[in-house]
Amino acid sequence: MKVPEHSVSLKGKYNFTDNLSADIKYTYYGSYNNYLSDANKEDDGIVGSRDIVDMSVHYSPVKNVEVYGGVTNVFDKEYYDYVTSGFGSLIPGNERSFFVGIKATY
């Protein structure tokens, strides 16, 4: 599987209180060719670069319990994880999505 030569991920966290925090994550993936070998180059087998922003909030109402929620791909960027014209394959990346959860540790 081909991967981009360059990728960067930055994450920041802010603690509003001892029990409430928020995260923001920025990820950049550079473009790359999706050829198995130089002999198989296709004109449009390039997977374009993309940048994605994710955000989440975490709340701990009691010790050892965390409630969290967030959004992935906040700006709903359209991108593709795989592109090839030979077989007509085009795999879209993840759209904006929301998540919630609860975590308990002991």
PDB file of N, CA and C in Angstrom:
ATOM      1  N   MET A   1       0.843  -1.174   0.000  1.00  0.00           N
ATOM      2  CA  MET A   1       0.000   0.000   0.000  1.00  0.00           C
ATOM      3  C   MET A   1       0.894   1.244   0.000  1.00  0.00           C
ATOM      4  N   LYS A   2       0.565   2.178  -0.831  1.00  0.00           N
ATOM      5  CA  LYS A   2       1.312   3.425  -0.919  1.00  0.00           C
ATOM      6  C   LYS A   2       0.868   4.369   0.194  1.00  0.00           C
ATOM      7  N   VAL A   3       1.802   5.177   0.653  1.00  0.00           N
ATOM      8  CA  VAL A   3       1.495   6.183   1.666  1.00  0.00           C
ATOM      9  C   VAL A   3       2.158   7.490   1.256  1.00  0.00           C
ATOM     10  N   PRO A   4       1.642   8.621   1.736  1.00  0.00           N
ATOM     11  CA  PRO A   4       2.266   9.895   1.387  1.00  0.00           C
ATOM     12  C   PRO A   4       3.651  10.022   2.015  1.00  0.00           C
ATOM     13  N   GLU A   5       4.511  10.747   1.330  1.00  0.00           N
ATOM     14  CA  GLU A   5       5.857  10.980   1.851  1.00  0.00           C
ATOM     15  C   GLU A   5       5.814  11.892   3.066  1.00  0.00           C
ATOM     16  N   HIS A   6       4.850  12.821   3.083  1.00  0.00           N
ATOM     17  CA  HIS A   6       4.756  13.779   4.178  1.00  0.00           C
ATOM     18  C   HIS A   6       3.400  13.698   4.853  1.00  0.00           C
ATOM     19  N   SER A   7       3.421  13.701   6.173  1.00  0.00           N
ATOM     20  CA  SER A   7       2.193  13.833   6.951  1.00  0.00           C
ATOM     21  C   SER A   7       2.544  14.536   8.261  1.00  0.00           C
ATOM     22  N   VAL A   8       1.606  15.343   8.733  1.00  0.00           N
ATOM     23  CA  VAL A   8       1.808  16.115   9.953  1.00  0.00           C
ATOM     24  C   VAL A   8       0.530  16.026  10.772  1.00  0.00           C
ATOM     25  N   SER A   9       0.695  15.868  12.064  1.00  0.00           N
ATOM     26  CA  SER A   9      -0.452  15.855  12.963  1.00  0.00           C
ATOM     27  C   SER A   9      -0.119  16.718  14.178  1.00  0.00           C
ATOM     28  N   LEU A  10      -0.988  17.672  14.470  1.00  0.00           N
ATOM     29  CA  LEU A  10      -0.819  18.550  15.620  1.00  0.00           C
ATOM     30  C   LEU A  10      -2.067  18.466  16.485  1.00  0.00           C
ATOM     31  N   LYS A  11      -1.871  18.356  17.787  1.00  0.00           N
ATOM     32  CA  LYS A  11      -3.018  18.258  18.691  1.00  0.00           C
ATOM     33  C   LYS A  11      -2.823  19.215  19.851  1.00  0.00           C
ATOM     34  N   GLY A  12      -3.873  19.944  20.166  1.00  0.00           N
ATOM     35  CA  GLY A  12      -3.855  20.859  21.299  1.00  0.00           C
ATOM     36  C   GLY A  12      -4.970  20.514  22.262  1.00  0.00           C
ATOM     37  N   LYS A  13      -4.692  20.687  23.538  1.00  0.00           N
ATOM     38  CA  LYS A  13      -5.694  20.403  24.567  1.00  0.00           C
ATOM     39  C   LYS A  13      -5.780  21.594  25.507  1.00  0.00           C
ATOM     40  N   TYR A  14      -6.997  21.965  25.874  1.00  0.00           N
ATOM     41  CA  TYR A  14      -7.198  23.055  26.822  1.00  0.00           C
ATOM     42  C   TYR A  14      -8.053  22.536  27.973  1.00  0.00           C
ATOM     43  N   ASN A  15      -7.578  22.735  29.193  1.00  0.00           N
ATOM     44  CA  ASN A  15      -8.321  22.343  30.390  1.00  0.00           C
ATOM     45  C   ASN A  15      -9.079  23.554  30.910  1.00  0.00           C
ATOM     46  N   PHE A  16     -10.394  23.543  30.762  1.00  0.00           N
ATOM     47  CA  PHE A  16     -11.224  24.626  31.281  1.00  0.00           C
ATOM     48  C   PHE A  16     -11.261  24.573  32.807  1.00  0.00           C
ATOM     49  N   THR A  17     -11.429  23.363  33.330  1.00  0.00           N
ATOM     50  CA  THR A  17     -11.399  23.110  34.777  1.00  0.00           C
ATOM     51  C   THR A  17     -10.673  21.780  34.976  1.00  0.00           C
ATOM     52  N   ASP A  18     -10.599  21.320  36.209  1.00  0.00           N
ATOM     53  CA  ASP A  18     -10.002  20.001  36.463  1.00  0.00           C
ATOM     54  C   ASP A  18     -10.836  18.884  35.855  1.00  0.00           C
ATOM     55  N   ASN A  19     -12.131  19.135  35.617  1.00  0.00           N
ATOM     56  CA  ASN A  19     -13.040  18.097  35.124  1.00  0.00           C
ATOM     57  C   ASN A  19     -13.452  18.255  33.668  1.00  0.00           C
ATOM     58  N   LEU A  20     -13.138  19.378  33.039  1.00  0.00           N
ATOM     59  CA  LEU A  20     -13.614  19.662  31.686  1.00  0.00           C
ATOM     60  C   LEU A  20     -12.460  20.111  30.795  1.00  0.00           C
ATOM     61  N   SER A  21     -12.329  19.443  29.657  1.00  0.00           N
ATOM     62  CA  SER A  21     -11.261  19.801  28.710  1.00  0.00           C
ATOM     63  C   SER A  21     -11.773  19.658  27.275  1.00  0.00           C
ATOM     64  N   ALA A  22     -11.043  20.263  26.348  1.00  0.00           N
ATOM     65  CA  ALA A  22     -11.372  20.167  24.921  1.00  0.00           C
ATOM     66  C   ALA A  22     -10.080  19.946  24.136  1.00  0.00           C
ATOM     67  N   ASP A  23     -10.185  19.173  23.073  1.00  0.00           N
ATOM     68  CA  ASP A  23      -9.055  18.873  22.193  1.00  0.00           C
ATOM     69  C   ASP A  23      -9.386  19.331  20.785  1.00  0.00           C
ATOM     70  N   ILE A  24      -8.360  19.726  20.063  1.00  0.00           N
ATOM     71  CA  ILE A  24      -8.485  19.966  18.628  1.00  0.00           C
ATOM     72  C   ILE A  24      -7.268  19.321  17.968  1.00  0.00           C
ATOM     73  N   LYS A  25      -7.508  18.641  16.855  1.00  0.00           N
ATOM     74  CA  LYS A  25      -6.426  17.940  16.160  1.00  0.00           C
ATOM     75  C   LYS A  25      -6.473  18.308  14.680  1.00  0.00           C
ATOM     76  N   TYR A  26      -5.312  18.688  14.155  1.00  0.00           N
ATOM     77  CA  TYR A  26      -5.156  18.998  12.739  1.00  0.00           C
ATOM     78  C   TYR A  26      -4.234  17.941  12.135  1.00  0.00           C
ATOM     79  N   THR A  27      -4.645  17.339  11.016  1.00  0.00           N
ATOM     80  CA  THR A  27      -3.827  16.337  10.341  1.00  0.00           C
ATOM     81  C   THR A  27      -3.723  16.683   8.863  1.00  0.00           C
ATOM     82  N   TYR A  28      -2.497  16.652   8.356  1.00  0.00           N
ATOM     83  CA  TYR A  28      -2.231  16.895   6.937  1.00  0.00           C
ATOM     84  C   TYR A  28      -1.568  15.659   6.353  1.00  0.00           C
ATOM     85  N   TYR A  29      -2.072  15.210   5.201  1.00  0.00           N
ATOM     86  CA  TYR A  29      -1.457  14.123   4.432  1.00  0.00           C
ATOM     87  C   TYR A  29      -1.096  14.674   3.065  1.00  0.00           C
ATOM     88  N   GLY A  30       0.149  14.521   2.657  1.00  0.00           N
ATOM     89  CA  GLY A  30       0.574  14.971   1.334  1.00  0.00           C
ATOM     90  C   GLY A  30       0.027  14.077   0.239  1.00  0.00           C
ATOM     91  N   SER A  31       0.052  14.572  -0.994  1.00  0.00           N
ATOM     92  CA  SER A  31      -0.411  13.763  -2.125  1.00  0.00           C
ATOM     93  C   SER A  31       0.620  12.675  -2.416  1.00  0.00           C
ATOM     94  N   TYR A  32       0.156  11.631  -3.092  1.00  0.00           N
ATOM     95  CA  TYR A  32       1.061  10.541  -3.467  1.00  0.00           C
ATOM     96  C   TYR A  32       0.495   9.810  -4.669  1.00  0.00           C
ATOM     97  N   ASN A  33       1.392   9.133  -5.389  1.00  0.00           N
ATOM     98  CA  ASN A  33       0.911   8.355  -6.521  1.00  0.00           C
ATOM     99  C   ASN A  33       0.481   6.996  -6.009  1.00  0.00           C
ATOM    100  N   ASN A  34      -0.441   6.411  -6.698  1.00  0.00           N
ATOM    101  CA  ASN A  34      -0.991   5.135  -6.281  1.00  0.00           C
ATOM    102  C   ASN A  34      -0.606   4.021  -7.255  1.00  0.00           C
ATOM    103  N   TYR A  35       0.555   4.146  -7.859  1.00  0.00           N
ATOM    104  CA  TYR A  35       1.007   3.172  -8.852  1.00  0.00           C
ATOM    105  C   TYR A  35       1.717   2.029  -8.154  1.00  0.00           C
ATOM    106  N   LEU A  36       1.489   0.817  -8.627  1.00  0.00           N
ATOM    107  CA  LEU A  36       2.213  -0.328  -8.083  1.00  0.00           C
ATOM    108  C   LEU A  36       3.660  -0.321  -8.545  1.00  0.00           C
ATOM    109  N   SER A  37       3.899   0.168  -9.754  1.00  0.00           N
ATOM    110  CA  SER A  37       5.263   0.300 -10.270  1.00  0.00           C
ATOM    111  C   SER A  37       5.263   1.412 -11.305  1.00  0.00           C
ATOM    112  N   ASP A  38       6.450   1.912 -11.650  1.00  0.00           N
ATOM    113  CA  ASP A  38       6.529   2.985 -12.644  1.00  0.00           C
ATOM    114  C   ASP A  38       5.953   2.555 -13.991  1.00  0.00           C
ATOM    115  N   ALA A  39       6.006   1.272 -14.299  1.00  0.00           N
ATOM    116  CA  ALA A  39       5.477   0.777 -15.572  1.00  0.00           C
ATOM    117  C   ALA A  39       3.954   0.870 -15.628  1.00  0.00           C
ATOM    118  N   ASN A  40       3.297   0.946 -14.476  1.00  0.00           N
ATOM    119  CA  ASN A  40       1.836   0.957 -14.425  1.00  0.00           C
ATOM    120  C   ASN A  40       1.256   2.343 -14.168  1.00  0.00           C
ATOM    121  N   LYS A  41       2.019   3.391 -14.444  1.00  0.00           N
ATOM    122  CA  LYS A  41       1.540   4.740 -14.155  1.00  0.00           C
ATOM    123  C   LYS A  41       0.274   5.055 -14.928  1.00  0.00           C
ATOM    124  N   GLU A  42      -0.641   5.691 -14.237  1.00  0.00           N
ATOM    125  CA  GLU A  42      -1.894   6.131 -14.844  1.00  0.00           C
ATOM    126  C   GLU A  42      -1.970   7.640 -14.695  1.00  0.00           C
ATOM    127  N   ASP A  43      -2.628   8.290 -15.610  1.00  0.00           N
ATOM    128  CA  ASP A  43      -2.698   9.747 -15.571  1.00  0.00           C
ATOM    129  C   ASP A  43      -3.384  10.273 -14.322  1.00  0.00           C
ATOM    130  N   ASP A  44      -4.426   9.581 -13.874  1.00  0.00           N
ATOM    131  CA  ASP A  44      -5.175  10.120 -12.743  1.00  0.00           C
ATOM    132  C   ASP A  44      -5.112   9.210 -11.519  1.00  0.00           C
ATOM    133  N   GLY A  45      -4.001   8.529 -11.325  1.00  0.00           N
ATOM    134  CA  GLY A  45      -3.823   7.678 -10.157  1.00  0.00           C
ATOM    135  C   GLY A  45      -3.176   8.409  -8.998  1.00  0.00           C
ATOM    136  N   ILE A  46      -3.384   9.711  -8.926  1.00  0.00           N
ATOM    137  CA  ILE A  46      -2.801  10.515  -7.852  1.00  0.00           C
ATOM    138  C   ILE A  46      -3.848  10.713  -6.758  1.00  0.00           C
ATOM    139  N   VAL A  47      -3.473  10.407  -5.525  1.00  0.00           N
ATOM    140  CA  VAL A  47      -4.328  10.691  -4.381  1.00  0.00           C
ATOM    141  C   VAL A  47      -3.922  12.069  -3.890  1.00  0.00           C
ATOM    142  N   GLY A  48      -4.840  13.009  -3.931  1.00  0.00           N
ATOM    143  CA  GLY A  48      -4.539  14.395  -3.591  1.00  0.00           C
ATOM    144  C   GLY A  48      -4.261  14.602  -2.117  1.00  0.00           C
ATOM    145  N   SER A  49      -3.570  15.688  -1.802  1.00  0.00           N
ATOM    146  CA  SER A  49      -3.296  16.015  -0.406  1.00  0.00           C
ATOM    147  C   SER A  49      -4.603  16.412   0.282  1.00  0.00           C
ATOM    148  N   ARG A  50      -4.599  16.330   1.589  1.00  0.00           N
ATOM    149  CA  ARG A  50      -5.796  16.692   2.346  1.00  0.00           C
ATOM    150  C   ARG A  50      -5.403  17.117   3.754  1.00  0.00           C
ATOM    151  N   ASP A  51      -6.246  17.926   4.357  1.00  0.00           N
ATOM    152  CA  ASP A  51      -6.077  18.282   5.752  1.00  0.00           C
ATOM    153  C   ASP A  51      -7.428  18.142   6.439  1.00  0.00           C
ATOM    154  N   ILE A  52      -7.386  17.580   7.632  1.00  0.00           N
ATOM    155  CA  ILE A  52      -8.597  17.243   8.370  1.00  0.00           C
ATOM    156  C   ILE A  52      -8.491  17.819   9.776  1.00  0.00           C
ATOM    157  N   VAL A  53      -9.606  18.331  10.292  1.00  0.00           N
ATOM    158  CA  VAL A  53      -9.661  18.852  11.660  1.00  0.00           C
ATOM    159  C   VAL A  53     -10.685  18.036  12.450  1.00  0.00           C
ATOM    160  N   ASP A  54     -10.283  17.596  13.635  1.00  0.00           N
ATOM    161  CA  ASP A  54     -11.156  16.866  14.553  1.00  0.00           C
ATOM    162  C   ASP A  54     -11.211  17.625  15.877  1.00  0.00           C
ATOM    163  N   MET A  55     -12.355  17.543  16.575  1.00  0.00           N
ATOM    164  CA  MET A  55     -12.506  18.213  17.870  1.00  0.00           C
ATOM    165  C   MET A  55     -13.234  17.290  18.841  1.00  0.00           C
ATOM    166  N   SER A  56     -12.903  17.414  20.121  1.00  0.00           N
ATOM    167  CA  SER A  56     -13.609  16.623  21.132  1.00  0.00           C
ATOM    168  C   SER A  56     -13.637  17.366  22.466  1.00  0.00           C
ATOM    169  N   VAL A  57     -14.595  16.974  23.307  1.00  0.00           N
ATOM    170  CA  VAL A  57     -14.763  17.527  24.650  1.00  0.00           C
ATOM    171  C   VAL A  57     -14.818  16.352  25.620  1.00  0.00           C
ATOM    172  N   HIS A  58     -14.175  16.525  26.784  1.00  0.00           N
ATOM    173  CA  HIS A  58     -14.105  15.469  27.796  1.00  0.00           C
ATOM    174  C   HIS A  58     -14.550  16.042  29.141  1.00  0.00           C
ATOM    175  N   TYR A  59     -15.408  15.299  29.834  1.00  0.00           N
ATOM    176  CA  TYR A  59     -15.903  15.731  31.133  1.00  0.00           C
ATOM    177  C   TYR A  59     -15.833  14.568  32.113  1.00  0.00           C
ATOM    178  N   SER A  60     -15.288  14.816  33.286  1.00  0.00           N
ATOM    179  CA  SER A  60     -15.193  13.789  34.335  1.00  0.00           C
ATOM    180  C   SER A  60     -16.071  14.196  35.514  1.00  0.00           C
ATOM    181  N   PRO A  61     -17.301  13.685  35.582  1.00  0.00           N
ATOM    182  CA  PRO A  61     -18.208  14.076  36.664  1.00  0.00           C
ATOM    183  C   PRO A  61     -17.764  13.538  38.020  1.00  0.00           C
ATOM    184  N   VAL A  62     -17.143  12.365  38.024  1.00  0.00           N
ATOM    185  CA  VAL A  62     -16.601  11.755  39.243  1.00  0.00           C
ATOM    186  C   VAL A  62     -15.265  11.106  38.907  1.00  0.00           C
ATOM    187  N   LYS A  63     -14.498  10.806  39.930  1.00  0.00           N
ATOM    188  CA  LYS A  63     -13.189  10.185  39.737  1.00  0.00           C
ATOM    189  C   LYS A  63     -13.338   8.871  38.963  1.00  0.00           C
ATOM    190  N   ASN A  64     -12.465   8.654  38.003  1.00  0.00           N
ATOM    191  CA  ASN A  64     -12.380   7.425  37.190  1.00  0.00           C
ATOM    192  C   ASN A  64     -13.505   7.271  36.170  1.00  0.00           C
ATOM    193  N   VAL A  65     -14.308   8.298  35.943  1.00  0.00           N
ATOM    194  CA  VAL A  65     -15.364   8.242  34.925  1.00  0.00           C
ATOM    195  C   VAL A  65     -15.204   9.451  34.000  1.00  0.00           C
ATOM    196  N   GLU A  66     -15.241   9.189  32.702  1.00  0.00           N
ATOM    197  CA  GLU A  66     -15.129  10.260  31.718  1.00  0.00           C
ATOM    198  C   GLU A  66     -16.238  10.116  30.681  1.00  0.00           C
ATOM    199  N   VAL A  67     -16.916  11.217  30.429  1.00  0.00           N
ATOM    200  CA  VAL A  67     -17.916  11.293  29.368  1.00  0.00           C
ATOM    201  C   VAL A  67     -17.299  12.169  28.288  1.00  0.00           C
ATOM    202  N   TYR A  68     -17.392  11.732  27.035  1.00  0.00           N
ATOM    203  CA  TYR A  68     -16.747  12.492  25.966  1.00  0.00           C
ATOM    204  C   TYR A  68     -17.612  12.489  24.710  1.00  0.00           C
ATOM    205  N   GLY A  69     -17.323  13.433  23.847  1.00  0.00           N
ATOM    206  CA  GLY A  69     -18.010  13.524  22.564  1.00  0.00           C
ATOM    207  C   GLY A  69     -17.191  14.393  21.638  1.00  0.00           C
ATOM    208  N   GLY A  70     -17.468  14.274  20.360  1.00  0.00           N
ATOM    209  CA  GLY A  70     -16.707  15.075  19.421  1.00  0.00           C
ATOM    210  C   GLY A  70     -17.178  14.957  17.995  1.00  0.00           C
ATOM    211  N   VAL A  71     -16.399  15.592  17.131  1.00  0.00           N
ATOM    212  CA  VAL A  71     -16.680  15.628  15.701  1.00  0.00           C
ATOM    213  C   VAL A  71     -15.391  15.309  14.957  1.00  0.00           C
ATOM    214  N   THR A  72     -15.455  14.397  14.005  1.00  0.00           N
ATOM    215  CA  THR A  72     -14.323  14.136  13.118  1.00  0.00           C
ATOM    216  C   THR A  72     -14.616  14.792  11.776  1.00  0.00           C
ATOM    217  N   ASN A  73     -13.569  15.263  11.109  1.00  0.00           N
ATOM    218  CA  ASN A  73     -13.699  15.975   9.837  1.00  0.00           C
ATOM    219  C   ASN A  73     -14.687  17.140   9.989  1.00  0.00           C
ATOM    220  N   VAL A  74     -14.372  18.028  10.921  1.00  0.00           N
ATOM    221  CA  VAL A  74     -15.249  19.139  11.302  1.00  0.00           C
ATOM    222  C   VAL A  74     -15.768  19.923  10.102  1.00  0.00           C
ATOM    223  N   PHE A  75     -14.922  20.204   9.135  1.00  0.00           N
ATOM    224  CA  PHE A  75     -15.314  21.023   7.984  1.00  0.00           C
ATOM    225  C   PHE A  75     -15.874  20.200   6.827  1.00  0.00           C
ATOM    226  N   ASP A  76     -16.110  18.910   7.082  1.00  0.00           N
ATOM    227  CA  ASP A  76     -16.709  17.989   6.107  1.00  0.00           C
ATOM    228  C   ASP A  76     -15.981  18.031   4.762  1.00  0.00           C
ATOM    229  N   LYS A  77     -14.648  17.971   4.812  1.00  0.00           N
ATOM    230  CA  LYS A  77     -13.832  17.984   3.597  1.00  0.00           C
ATOM    231  C   LYS A  77     -14.051  16.688   2.814  1.00  0.00           C
ATOM    232  N   GLU A  78     -14.215  16.828   1.517  1.00  0.00           N
ATOM    233  CA  GLU A  78     -14.342  15.658   0.653  1.00  0.00           C
ATOM    234  C   GLU A  78     -12.949  15.280   0.159  1.00  0.00           C
ATOM    235  N   TYR A  79     -12.561  14.043   0.382  1.00  0.00           N
ATOM    236  CA  TYR A  79     -11.255  13.571  -0.051  1.00  0.00           C
ATOM    237  C   TYR A  79     -11.349  12.085  -0.377  1.00  0.00           C
ATOM    238  N   TYR A  80     -10.306  11.574  -0.978  1.00  0.00           N
ATOM    239  CA  TYR A  80     -10.286  10.170  -1.385  1.00  0.00           C
ATOM    240  C   TYR A  80      -9.070   9.478  -0.799  1.00  0.00           C
ATOM    241  N   ASP A  81      -9.284   8.265  -0.306  1.00  0.00           N
ATOM    242  CA  ASP A  81      -8.192   7.471   0.256  1.00  0.00           C
ATOM    243  C   ASP A  81      -7.496   6.624  -0.795  1.00  0.00           C
ATOM    244  N   TYR A  82      -8.150   6.381  -1.919  1.00  0.00           N
ATOM    245  CA  TYR A  82      -7.576   5.523  -2.946  1.00  0.00           C
ATOM    246  C   TYR A  82      -8.157   5.933  -4.297  1.00  0.00           C
ATOM    247  N   VAL A  83      -7.297   6.061  -5.284  1.00  0.00           N
ATOM    248  CA  VAL A  83      -7.738   6.472  -6.622  1.00  0.00           C
ATOM    249  C   VAL A  83      -6.983   5.666  -7.655  1.00  0.00           C
ATOM    250  N   THR A  84      -7.705   5.103  -8.628  1.00  0.00           N
ATOM    251  CA  THR A  84      -7.073   4.439  -9.763  1.00  0.00           C
ATOM    252  C   THR A  84      -8.055   4.461 -10.927  1.00  0.00           C
ATOM    253  N   SER A  85      -7.542   4.635 -12.112  1.00  0.00           N
ATOM    254  CA  SER A  85      -8.438   4.654 -13.269  1.00  0.00           C
ATOM    255  C   SER A  85      -8.496   3.296 -13.945  1.00  0.00           C
ATOM    256  N   GLY A  86      -7.501   2.445 -13.748  1.00  0.00           N
ATOM    257  CA  GLY A  86      -7.452   1.142 -14.410  1.00  0.00           C
ATOM    258  C   GLY A  86      -8.672   0.288 -14.127  1.00  0.00           C
ATOM    259  N   PHE A  87      -9.064   0.258 -12.872  1.00  0.00           N
ATOM    260  CA  PHE A  87     -10.224  -0.528 -12.479  1.00  0.00           C
ATOM    261  C   PHE A  87     -11.388   0.361 -12.063  1.00  0.00           C
ATOM    262  N   GLY A  88     -11.211   1.657 -12.214  1.00  0.00           N
ATOM    263  CA  GLY A  88     -12.264   2.590 -11.837  1.00  0.00           C
ATOM    264  C   GLY A  88     -12.504   2.650 -10.341  1.00  0.00           C
ATOM    265  N   SER A  89     -11.480   2.420  -9.545  1.00  0.00           N
ATOM    266  CA  SER A  89     -11.637   2.420  -8.091  1.00  0.00           C
ATOM    267  C   SER A  89     -11.491   3.823  -7.532  1.00  0.00           C
ATOM    268  N   LEU A  90     -12.408   4.176  -6.692  1.00  0.00           N
ATOM    269  CA  LEU A  90     -12.383   5.464  -6.033  1.00  0.00           C
ATOM    270  C   LEU A  90     -12.992   5.257  -4.648  1.00  0.00           C
ATOM    271  N   ILE A  91     -12.168   5.341  -3.616  1.00  0.00           N
ATOM    272  CA  ILE A  91     -12.654   5.108  -2.263  1.00  0.00           C
ATOM    273  C   ILE A  91     -12.683   6.447  -1.533  1.00  0.00           C
ATOM    274  N   PRO A  92     -13.872   6.948  -1.224  1.00  0.00           N
ATOM    275  CA  PRO A  92     -13.956   8.238  -0.549  1.00  0.00           C
ATOM    276  C   PRO A  92     -13.495   8.134   0.900  1.00  0.00           C
ATOM    277  N   GLY A  93     -12.962   9.258   1.417  1.00  0.00           N
ATOM    278  CA  GLY A  93     -12.579   9.324   2.825  1.00  0.00           C
ATOM    279  C   GLY A  93     -13.801   9.500   3.697  1.00  0.00           C
ATOM    280  N   ASN A  94     -13.590   9.498   4.983  1.00  0.00           N
ATOM    281  CA  ASN A  94     -14.699   9.616   5.933  1.00  0.00           C
ATOM    282  C   ASN A  94     -15.304  11.014   5.908  1.00  0.00           C
ATOM    283  N   GLU A  95     -16.627  11.055   5.900  1.00  0.00           N
ATOM    284  CA  GLU A  95     -17.345  12.323   5.990  1.00  0.00           C
ATOM    285  C   GLU A  95     -17.348  12.787   7.442  1.00  0.00           C
ATOM    286  N   ARG A  96     -17.898  13.980   7.658  1.00  0.00           N
ATOM    287  CA  ARG A  96     -18.044  14.458   9.035  1.00  0.00           C
ATOM    288  C   ARG A  96     -18.854  13.431   9.821  1.00  0.00           C
ATOM    289  N   SER A  97     -18.394  13.145  11.027  1.00  0.00           N
ATOM    290  CA  SER A  97     -19.140  12.221  11.882  1.00  0.00           C
ATOM    291  C   SER A  97     -19.038  12.689  13.330  1.00  0.00           C
ATOM    292  N   PHE A  98     -19.994  12.250  14.114  1.00  0.00           N
ATOM    293  CA  PHE A  98     -20.093  12.633  15.525  1.00  0.00           C
ATOM    294  C   PHE A  98     -19.965  11.383  16.376  1.00  0.00           C
ATOM    295  N   PHE A  99     -19.413  11.540  17.573  1.00  0.00           N
ATOM    296  CA  PHE A  99     -19.303  10.398  18.469  1.00  0.00           C
ATOM    297  C   PHE A  99     -19.490  10.848  19.922  1.00  0.00           C
ATOM    298  N   VAL A 100     -19.978   9.947  20.736  1.00  0.00           N
ATOM    299  CA  VAL A 100     -20.110  10.150  22.172  1.00  0.00           C
ATOM    300  C   VAL A 100     -19.731   8.844  22.859  1.00  0.00           C
ATOM    301  N   GLY A 101     -19.305   8.947  24.095  1.00  0.00           N
ATOM    302  CA  GLY A 101     -18.952   7.736  24.817  1.00  0.00           C
ATOM    303  C   GLY A 101     -18.757   8.006  26.284  1.00  0.00           C
ATOM    304  N   ILE A 102     -18.569   6.928  26.996  1.00  0.00           N
ATOM    305  CA  ILE A 102     -18.279   6.993  28.424  1.00  0.00           C
ATOM    306  C   ILE A 102     -17.179   5.992  28.704  1.00  0.00           C
ATOM    307  N   LYS A 103     -16.244   6.394  29.539  1.00  0.00           N
ATOM    308  CA  LYS A 103     -15.112   5.534  29.870  1.00  0.00           C
ATOM    309  C   LYS A 103     -14.960   5.499  31.383  1.00  0.00           C
ATOM    310  N   ALA A 104     -14.802   4.294  31.908  1.00  0.00           N
ATOM    311  CA  ALA A 104     -14.579   4.124  33.346  1.00  0.00           C
ATOM    312  C   ALA A 104     -13.284   3.348  33.540  1.00  0.00           C
ATOM    313  N   THR A 105     -12.483   3.773  34.467  1.00  0.00           N
ATOM    314  CA  THR A 105     -11.241   3.071  34.792  1.00  0.00           C
ATOM    315  C   THR A 105     -11.285   2.648  36.253  1.00  0.00           C
ATOM    316  N   TYR A 106     -10.575   1.583  36.524  1.00  0.00           N
ATOM    317  CA  TYR A 106     -10.526   1.095  37.919  1.00  0.00           C
ATOM    318  C   TYR A 106      -9.167   0.552  38.232  1.00  0.00           C
TER     319      TYR A 106
END
